[in-house]
Amino acid sequence: MSGGTTGRAADGASARPTGIDALLERVRQSYERVGPREAYEASRAGAALLVDIRYAALRERDGLLPGAVVVERNELEWRLDPLGSHRLPQATRHDLRIVVVCNEGYASSLAAESLHRLGLRRATDLAGGFQAWRAAGLPVLAP
């Protein structure tokens, strides 16, 4: 994998390469991430939808988050777009609070930013991902 990306700016000019660390920093400045306890309490209260994007092998190895919906990363936008024909039943409005969870909190940041581009402005991610959840001693269901 390359450490940077290139692309074209809106005017067609070449954009400067951006490394993944700089991209993550920029993305994370655009919203407030949540910690494990906050995500757990919001999910239990029905105030947030937990969305687990971890690979099946990780879910099978480490377990499942209680109350989370599992959506493979490559289907995330289609399943959470309130205007989409392939949306989850829970994805009914753009003001839905969504907490994306990956294994360590990196892929979920990029996923949350992608959801923002769909108008899901309350989307966020779990800082530290599933590993932070487990380290906090929060419940995990056996696979």
N, C-alpha and C. Protein backbone atom coordinates (compact mmCIF):
# COMPACT_ATOMS: atom_id res chain seq x y z
N MET A 1 0.84 -1.17 0.00
CA MET A 1 0.00 0.00 0.00
C MET A 1 0.88 1.23 0.00
N SER A 2 0.46 2.22 -0.69
CA SER A 2 1.18 3.48 -0.75
C SER A 2 0.87 4.33 0.46
N GLY A 3 1.82 5.14 0.90
CA GLY A 3 1.61 6.00 2.05
C GLY A 3 0.88 7.27 1.71
N GLY A 4 0.60 7.53 0.46
CA GLY A 4 -0.08 8.76 0.10
C GLY A 4 -1.01 8.53 -1.06
N THR A 5 -1.78 9.56 -1.34
CA THR A 5 -2.71 9.49 -2.44
C THR A 5 -2.53 10.72 -3.30
N THR A 6 -2.88 10.60 -4.53
CA THR A 6 -2.88 11.75 -5.41
C THR A 6 -4.26 11.85 -6.01
N GLY A 7 -4.55 12.99 -6.52
CA GLY A 7 -5.85 13.17 -7.13
C GLY A 7 -5.90 14.48 -7.86
N ARG A 8 -7.06 14.86 -8.27
CA ARG A 8 -7.25 16.11 -8.99
C ARG A 8 -8.13 17.02 -8.15
N ALA A 9 -7.76 18.26 -8.11
CA ALA A 9 -8.58 19.27 -7.44
C ALA A 9 -9.80 19.54 -8.30
N ALA A 10 -10.76 20.26 -7.75
CA ALA A 10 -12.00 20.56 -8.47
C ALA A 10 -11.75 21.26 -9.79
N ASP A 11 -10.66 22.04 -9.87
CA ASP A 11 -10.38 22.75 -11.12
C ASP A 11 -9.57 21.91 -12.11
N GLY A 12 -9.31 20.64 -11.77
CA GLY A 12 -8.60 19.74 -12.67
C GLY A 12 -7.10 19.71 -12.43
N ALA A 13 -6.59 20.60 -11.59
CA ALA A 13 -5.17 20.62 -11.29
C ALA A 13 -4.83 19.45 -10.37
N SER A 14 -3.59 19.01 -10.42
CA SER A 14 -3.16 17.93 -9.54
C SER A 14 -3.15 18.39 -8.10
N ALA A 15 -3.72 17.57 -7.22
CA ALA A 15 -3.72 17.85 -5.78
C ALA A 15 -2.41 17.34 -5.19
N ARG A 16 -1.98 17.94 -4.10
CA ARG A 16 -0.78 17.47 -3.41
C ARG A 16 -1.09 16.13 -2.76
N PRO A 17 -0.14 15.22 -2.79
CA PRO A 17 -0.34 13.95 -2.09
C PRO A 17 -0.58 14.18 -0.60
N THR A 18 -1.45 13.37 -0.04
CA THR A 18 -1.76 13.42 1.38
C THR A 18 -1.48 12.06 1.98
N GLY A 19 -0.65 12.02 3.02
CA GLY A 19 -0.41 10.75 3.71
C GLY A 19 -1.62 10.40 4.57
N ILE A 20 -1.72 9.13 4.91
CA ILE A 20 -2.87 8.67 5.68
C ILE A 20 -2.94 9.32 7.05
N ASP A 21 -1.80 9.56 7.70
CA ASP A 21 -1.83 10.19 9.01
C ASP A 21 -2.41 11.60 8.94
N ALA A 22 -2.00 12.37 7.92
CA ALA A 22 -2.53 13.72 7.74
C ALA A 22 -4.01 13.68 7.39
N LEU A 23 -4.39 12.72 6.57
CA LEU A 23 -5.80 12.58 6.21
C LEU A 23 -6.64 12.27 7.44
N LEU A 24 -6.20 11.32 8.25
CA LEU A 24 -6.94 10.98 9.47
C LEU A 24 -7.07 12.19 10.39
N GLU A 25 -5.99 12.93 10.55
CA GLU A 25 -6.04 14.11 11.41
C GLU A 25 -7.06 15.12 10.90
N ARG A 26 -7.05 15.36 9.60
CA ARG A 26 -8.00 16.31 9.00
C ARG A 26 -9.44 15.82 9.15
N VAL A 27 -9.67 14.56 8.87
CA VAL A 27 -11.02 13.98 8.97
C VAL A 27 -11.53 14.08 10.41
N ARG A 28 -10.69 13.73 11.35
CA ARG A 28 -11.11 13.71 12.76
C ARG A 28 -11.36 15.09 13.32
N GLN A 29 -10.86 16.12 12.70
CA GLN A 29 -11.14 17.49 13.14
C GLN A 29 -12.54 17.94 12.76
N SER A 30 -13.19 17.21 11.87
CA SER A 30 -14.49 17.63 11.37
C SER A 30 -15.67 17.13 12.20
N TYR A 31 -15.40 16.31 13.22
CA TYR A 31 -16.46 15.81 14.09
C TYR A 31 -15.86 15.37 15.41
N GLU A 32 -16.71 15.13 16.39
CA GLU A 32 -16.26 14.69 17.70
C GLU A 32 -16.40 13.18 17.83
N ARG A 33 -15.28 12.53 18.08
CA ARG A 33 -15.29 11.08 18.26
C ARG A 33 -15.84 10.75 19.64
N VAL A 34 -16.28 9.52 19.82
CA VAL A 34 -16.81 9.11 21.12
C VAL A 34 -15.96 8.00 21.70
N GLY A 35 -15.96 7.90 23.02
CA GLY A 35 -15.27 6.83 23.72
C GLY A 35 -16.18 5.64 23.92
N PRO A 36 -15.61 4.54 24.38
CA PRO A 36 -16.39 3.31 24.55
C PRO A 36 -17.60 3.45 25.47
N ARG A 37 -17.43 4.06 26.63
CA ARG A 37 -18.53 4.18 27.59
C ARG A 37 -19.66 5.02 27.00
N GLU A 38 -19.31 6.14 26.35
CA GLU A 38 -20.33 7.00 25.75
C GLU A 38 -21.08 6.26 24.64
N ALA A 39 -20.37 5.52 23.82
CA ALA A 39 -21.01 4.75 22.75
C ALA A 39 -21.94 3.69 23.32
N TYR A 40 -21.49 3.01 24.35
CA TYR A 40 -22.28 1.96 24.99
C TYR A 40 -23.57 2.54 25.57
N GLU A 41 -23.45 3.63 26.33
CA GLU A 41 -24.62 4.26 26.95
C GLU A 41 -25.59 4.79 25.91
N ALA A 42 -25.08 5.42 24.86
CA ALA A 42 -25.96 5.95 23.81
C ALA A 42 -26.70 4.82 23.10
N SER A 43 -26.01 3.73 22.85
CA SER A 43 -26.65 2.59 22.20
C SER A 43 -27.73 2.00 23.09
N ARG A 44 -27.41 1.81 24.36
CA ARG A 44 -28.39 1.24 25.31
C ARG A 44 -29.62 2.11 25.45
N ALA A 45 -29.43 3.43 25.38
CA ALA A 45 -30.54 4.37 25.54
C ALA A 45 -31.33 4.55 24.24
N GLY A 46 -30.88 3.92 23.16
CA GLY A 46 -31.54 4.09 21.87
C GLY A 46 -31.23 5.42 21.22
N ALA A 47 -30.16 6.09 21.68
CA ALA A 47 -29.80 7.41 21.15
C ALA A 47 -28.76 7.33 20.04
N ALA A 48 -28.26 6.13 19.76
CA ALA A 48 -27.27 5.97 18.69
C ALA A 48 -27.35 4.55 18.14
N LEU A 49 -27.04 4.44 16.87
CA LEU A 49 -26.97 3.15 16.20
C LEU A 49 -25.49 2.77 16.09
N LEU A 50 -25.11 1.68 16.75
CA LEU A 50 -23.75 1.16 16.62
C LEU A 50 -23.67 0.36 15.33
N VAL A 51 -22.63 0.65 14.52
CA VAL A 51 -22.45 -0.05 13.26
C VAL A 51 -21.05 -0.66 13.26
N ASP A 52 -21.00 -1.96 13.30
CA ASP A 52 -19.74 -2.70 13.35
C ASP A 52 -19.29 -3.02 11.93
N ILE A 53 -18.15 -2.45 11.51
CA ILE A 53 -17.64 -2.68 10.15
C ILE A 53 -16.43 -3.61 10.14
N ARG A 54 -16.16 -4.29 11.25
CA ARG A 54 -15.00 -5.19 11.29
C ARG A 54 -15.20 -6.37 10.34
N TYR A 55 -14.08 -6.90 9.89
CA TYR A 55 -14.11 -8.10 9.06
C TYR A 55 -14.75 -9.25 9.82
N ALA A 56 -15.37 -10.16 9.09
CA ALA A 56 -16.01 -11.33 9.70
C ALA A 56 -15.02 -12.11 10.56
N ALA A 57 -13.79 -12.25 10.10
CA ALA A 57 -12.80 -13.01 10.85
C ALA A 57 -12.54 -12.39 12.23
N LEU A 58 -12.55 -11.07 12.31
CA LEU A 58 -12.35 -10.40 13.60
C LEU A 58 -13.56 -10.57 14.50
N ARG A 59 -14.75 -10.50 13.93
CA ARG A 59 -15.96 -10.71 14.73
C ARG A 59 -16.00 -12.13 15.25
N GLU A 60 -15.62 -13.09 14.41
CA GLU A 60 -15.61 -14.49 14.82
C GLU A 60 -14.55 -14.75 15.89
N ARG A 61 -13.44 -14.06 15.81
CA ARG A 61 -12.37 -14.24 16.79
C ARG A 61 -12.66 -13.55 18.12
N ASP A 62 -13.12 -12.29 18.04
CA ASP A 62 -13.21 -11.45 19.24
C ASP A 62 -14.61 -11.30 19.81
N GLY A 63 -15.63 -11.59 19.04
CA GLY A 63 -17.00 -11.44 19.53
C GLY A 63 -17.72 -10.26 18.92
N LEU A 64 -18.94 -10.07 19.37
CA LEU A 64 -19.84 -9.07 18.81
C LEU A 64 -20.20 -8.02 19.85
N LEU A 65 -20.53 -6.84 19.37
CA LEU A 65 -21.00 -5.77 20.25
C LEU A 65 -22.51 -5.90 20.43
N PRO A 66 -22.99 -5.94 21.66
CA PRO A 66 -24.43 -6.05 21.89
C PRO A 66 -25.17 -4.87 21.25
N GLY A 67 -26.19 -5.17 20.49
CA GLY A 67 -27.02 -4.14 19.89
C GLY A 67 -26.49 -3.54 18.60
N ALA A 68 -25.28 -3.90 18.20
CA ALA A 68 -24.70 -3.34 16.98
C ALA A 68 -25.26 -4.04 15.74
N VAL A 69 -25.39 -3.29 14.67
CA VAL A 69 -25.68 -3.90 13.38
C VAL A 69 -24.34 -4.10 12.68
N VAL A 70 -24.23 -5.19 11.98
CA VAL A 70 -23.01 -5.50 11.25
C VAL A 70 -23.22 -5.10 9.79
N VAL A 71 -22.32 -4.25 9.31
CA VAL A 71 -22.36 -3.82 7.91
C VAL A 71 -20.93 -3.86 7.40
N GLU A 72 -20.70 -4.67 6.40
CA GLU A 72 -19.36 -4.71 5.81
C GLU A 72 -19.00 -3.33 5.29
N ARG A 73 -17.75 -2.96 5.42
CA ARG A 73 -17.31 -1.61 5.04
C ARG A 73 -17.67 -1.29 3.59
N ASN A 74 -17.55 -2.24 2.70
CA ASN A 74 -17.84 -1.96 1.29
C ASN A 74 -19.32 -1.77 1.00
N GLU A 75 -20.19 -1.98 1.98
CA GLU A 75 -21.64 -1.77 1.82
C GLU A 75 -22.16 -0.61 2.65
N LEU A 76 -21.30 0.01 3.44
CA LEU A 76 -21.72 0.96 4.46
C LEU A 76 -22.60 2.09 3.91
N GLU A 77 -22.13 2.77 2.89
CA GLU A 77 -22.89 3.91 2.37
C GLU A 77 -24.24 3.48 1.81
N TRP A 78 -24.29 2.36 1.15
CA TRP A 78 -25.56 1.88 0.59
C TRP A 78 -26.54 1.49 1.68
N ARG A 79 -26.05 0.93 2.76
CA ARG A 79 -26.92 0.44 3.82
C ARG A 79 -27.39 1.55 4.77
N LEU A 80 -26.65 2.68 4.84
CA LEU A 80 -27.01 3.74 5.78
C LEU A 80 -27.57 4.99 5.12
N ASP A 81 -27.61 5.06 3.81
CA ASP A 81 -28.16 6.21 3.11
C ASP A 81 -29.69 6.19 3.23
N PRO A 82 -30.26 7.17 3.95
CA PRO A 82 -31.72 7.18 4.12
C PRO A 82 -32.49 7.28 2.79
N LEU A 83 -31.83 7.76 1.75
CA LEU A 83 -32.47 7.89 0.44
C LEU A 83 -32.26 6.66 -0.44
N GLY A 84 -31.44 5.73 0.02
CA GLY A 84 -31.07 4.59 -0.81
C GLY A 84 -32.08 3.46 -0.79
N SER A 85 -32.12 2.74 -1.88
CA SER A 85 -33.05 1.61 -1.99
C SER A 85 -32.54 0.37 -1.24
N HIS A 86 -31.27 0.35 -0.85
CA HIS A 86 -30.70 -0.81 -0.15
C HIS A 86 -30.42 -0.51 1.32
N ARG A 87 -31.08 0.48 1.85
CA ARG A 87 -30.80 0.92 3.22
C ARG A 87 -31.33 -0.07 4.25
N LEU A 88 -30.69 -0.02 5.43
CA LEU A 88 -31.18 -0.78 6.57
C LEU A 88 -32.50 -0.19 7.05
N PRO A 89 -33.34 -0.97 7.70
CA PRO A 89 -34.59 -0.42 8.23
C PRO A 89 -34.37 0.72 9.21
N GLN A 90 -33.25 0.72 9.92
CA GLN A 90 -32.96 1.77 10.90
C GLN A 90 -32.53 3.08 10.25
N ALA A 91 -32.08 3.04 9.02
CA ALA A 91 -31.54 4.22 8.34
C ALA A 91 -32.65 5.02 7.67
N THR A 92 -33.44 5.68 8.48
CA THR A 92 -34.62 6.37 7.97
C THR A 92 -34.49 7.88 7.89
N ARG A 93 -33.43 8.44 8.49
CA ARG A 93 -33.33 9.90 8.51
C ARG A 93 -31.86 10.33 8.59
N HIS A 94 -31.60 11.52 8.09
CA HIS A 94 -30.24 12.04 8.06
C HIS A 94 -29.73 12.50 9.42
N ASP A 95 -30.62 12.72 10.39
CA ASP A 95 -30.17 13.16 11.70
C ASP A 95 -29.93 11.98 12.66
N LEU A 96 -29.92 10.76 12.13
CA LEU A 96 -29.65 9.58 12.93
C LEU A 96 -28.22 9.64 13.48
N ARG A 97 -28.06 9.38 14.76
CA ARG A 97 -26.74 9.32 15.39
C ARG A 97 -26.17 7.93 15.11
N ILE A 98 -25.06 7.88 14.40
CA ILE A 98 -24.42 6.63 14.03
C ILE A 98 -23.02 6.62 14.63
N VAL A 99 -22.65 5.51 15.26
CA VAL A 99 -21.30 5.33 15.78
C VAL A 99 -20.69 4.14 15.04
N VAL A 100 -19.73 4.42 14.19
CA VAL A 100 -19.07 3.38 13.40
C VAL A 100 -17.93 2.79 14.24
N VAL A 101 -17.85 1.45 14.23
CA VAL A 101 -16.85 0.75 15.01
C VAL A 101 -16.04 -0.17 14.09
N CYS A 102 -14.73 0.01 14.13
CA CYS A 102 -13.83 -0.94 13.47
C CYS A 102 -12.98 -1.60 14.55
N ASN A 103 -11.89 -2.19 14.20
CA ASN A 103 -11.10 -2.91 15.20
C ASN A 103 -10.32 -1.96 16.12
N GLU A 104 -9.67 -0.95 15.54
CA GLU A 104 -8.83 -0.07 16.35
C GLU A 104 -9.13 1.41 16.20
N GLY A 105 -10.12 1.78 15.40
CA GLY A 105 -10.51 3.18 15.29
C GLY A 105 -9.86 3.96 14.17
N TYR A 106 -9.36 3.29 13.16
CA TYR A 106 -8.78 3.99 12.01
C TYR A 106 -9.74 3.97 10.82
N ALA A 107 -10.11 2.78 10.37
CA ALA A 107 -11.03 2.67 9.24
C ALA A 107 -12.37 3.33 9.56
N SER A 108 -12.77 3.27 10.82
CA SER A 108 -14.06 3.86 11.21
C SER A 108 -14.05 5.38 11.06
N SER A 109 -12.90 6.02 11.23
CA SER A 109 -12.83 7.47 11.04
C SER A 109 -13.08 7.83 9.58
N LEU A 110 -12.47 7.08 8.68
CA LEU A 110 -12.69 7.33 7.25
C LEU A 110 -14.13 7.01 6.86
N ALA A 111 -14.69 5.98 7.47
CA ALA A 111 -16.08 5.62 7.18
C ALA A 111 -17.04 6.70 7.66
N ALA A 112 -16.80 7.24 8.86
CA ALA A 112 -17.66 8.31 9.38
C ALA A 112 -17.61 9.53 8.48
N GLU A 113 -16.44 9.85 7.99
CA GLU A 113 -16.30 11.00 7.08
C GLU A 113 -17.08 10.76 5.80
N SER A 114 -17.06 9.54 5.30
CA SER A 114 -17.82 9.21 4.10
C SER A 114 -19.33 9.36 4.35
N LEU A 115 -19.78 8.98 5.54
CA LEU A 115 -21.20 9.15 5.88
C LEU A 115 -21.57 10.63 5.96
N HIS A 116 -20.65 11.45 6.42
CA HIS A 116 -20.90 12.90 6.44
C HIS A 116 -21.17 13.41 5.05
N ARG A 117 -20.44 12.90 4.06
CA ARG A 117 -20.64 13.34 2.67
C ARG A 117 -22.03 12.96 2.15
N LEU A 118 -22.66 11.96 2.77
CA LEU A 118 -24.03 11.59 2.40
C LEU A 118 -25.07 12.42 3.15
N GLY A 119 -24.60 13.34 4.00
CA GLY A 119 -25.51 14.16 4.76
C GLY A 119 -25.81 13.64 6.15
N LEU A 120 -25.15 12.57 6.56
CA LEU A 120 -25.35 12.00 7.89
C LEU A 120 -24.39 12.70 8.86
N ARG A 121 -24.70 13.95 9.17
CA ARG A 121 -23.80 14.83 9.93
C ARG A 121 -23.59 14.42 11.39
N ARG A 122 -24.42 13.55 11.92
CA ARG A 122 -24.25 13.09 13.31
C ARG A 122 -23.45 11.79 13.38
N ALA A 123 -22.95 11.33 12.24
CA ALA A 123 -22.13 10.12 12.24
C ALA A 123 -20.80 10.43 12.91
N THR A 124 -20.31 9.46 13.66
CA THR A 124 -19.03 9.56 14.34
C THR A 124 -18.42 8.17 14.39
N ASP A 125 -17.30 8.06 15.09
CA ASP A 125 -16.72 6.73 15.25
C ASP A 125 -16.22 6.54 16.67
N LEU A 126 -15.97 5.29 17.00
CA LEU A 126 -15.50 4.92 18.33
C LEU A 126 -13.99 5.03 18.38
N ALA A 127 -13.48 5.98 19.16
CA ALA A 127 -12.04 6.14 19.33
C ALA A 127 -11.46 4.86 19.91
N GLY A 128 -10.49 4.29 19.24
CA GLY A 128 -9.88 3.05 19.70
C GLY A 128 -10.59 1.79 19.24
N GLY A 129 -11.77 1.95 18.64
CA GLY A 129 -12.50 0.82 18.08
C GLY A 129 -12.88 -0.26 19.07
N PHE A 130 -13.11 -1.43 18.53
CA PHE A 130 -13.52 -2.58 19.34
C PHE A 130 -12.51 -2.86 20.45
N GLN A 131 -11.24 -2.70 20.16
CA GLN A 131 -10.21 -2.99 21.16
C GLN A 131 -10.36 -2.09 22.38
N ALA A 132 -10.72 -0.82 22.17
CA ALA A 132 -10.94 0.10 23.31
C ALA A 132 -12.20 -0.30 24.07
N TRP A 133 -13.23 -0.73 23.35
CA TRP A 133 -14.47 -1.21 23.97
C TRP A 133 -14.16 -2.36 24.91
N ARG A 134 -13.43 -3.33 24.40
CA ARG A 134 -13.09 -4.51 25.20
C ARG A 134 -12.20 -4.14 26.38
N ALA A 135 -11.23 -3.26 26.16
CA ALA A 135 -10.32 -2.84 27.24
C ALA A 135 -11.07 -2.09 28.33
N ALA A 136 -12.20 -1.45 27.97
CA ALA A 136 -13.01 -0.73 28.96
C ALA A 136 -13.89 -1.69 29.77
N GLY A 137 -13.85 -2.97 29.44
CA GLY A 137 -14.63 -3.96 30.17
C GLY A 137 -16.10 -3.96 29.82
N LEU A 138 -16.44 -3.42 28.66
CA LEU A 138 -17.84 -3.39 28.24
C LEU A 138 -18.24 -4.76 27.69
N PRO A 139 -19.55 -5.04 27.68
CA PRO A 139 -20.00 -6.38 27.26
C PRO A 139 -19.65 -6.71 25.82
N VAL A 140 -19.28 -7.96 25.61
CA VAL A 140 -19.00 -8.52 24.29
C VAL A 140 -19.71 -9.86 24.22
N LEU A 141 -20.44 -10.07 23.16
CA LEU A 141 -21.15 -11.35 22.96
C LEU A 141 -20.24 -12.35 22.27
N ALA A 142 -20.32 -13.58 22.67
CA ALA A 142 -19.55 -14.63 22.03
C ALA A 142 -19.98 -14.75 20.58
N PRO A 143 -19.02 -15.02 19.72
CA PRO A 143 -19.36 -15.14 18.28
C PRO A 143 -20.22 -16.35 18.00
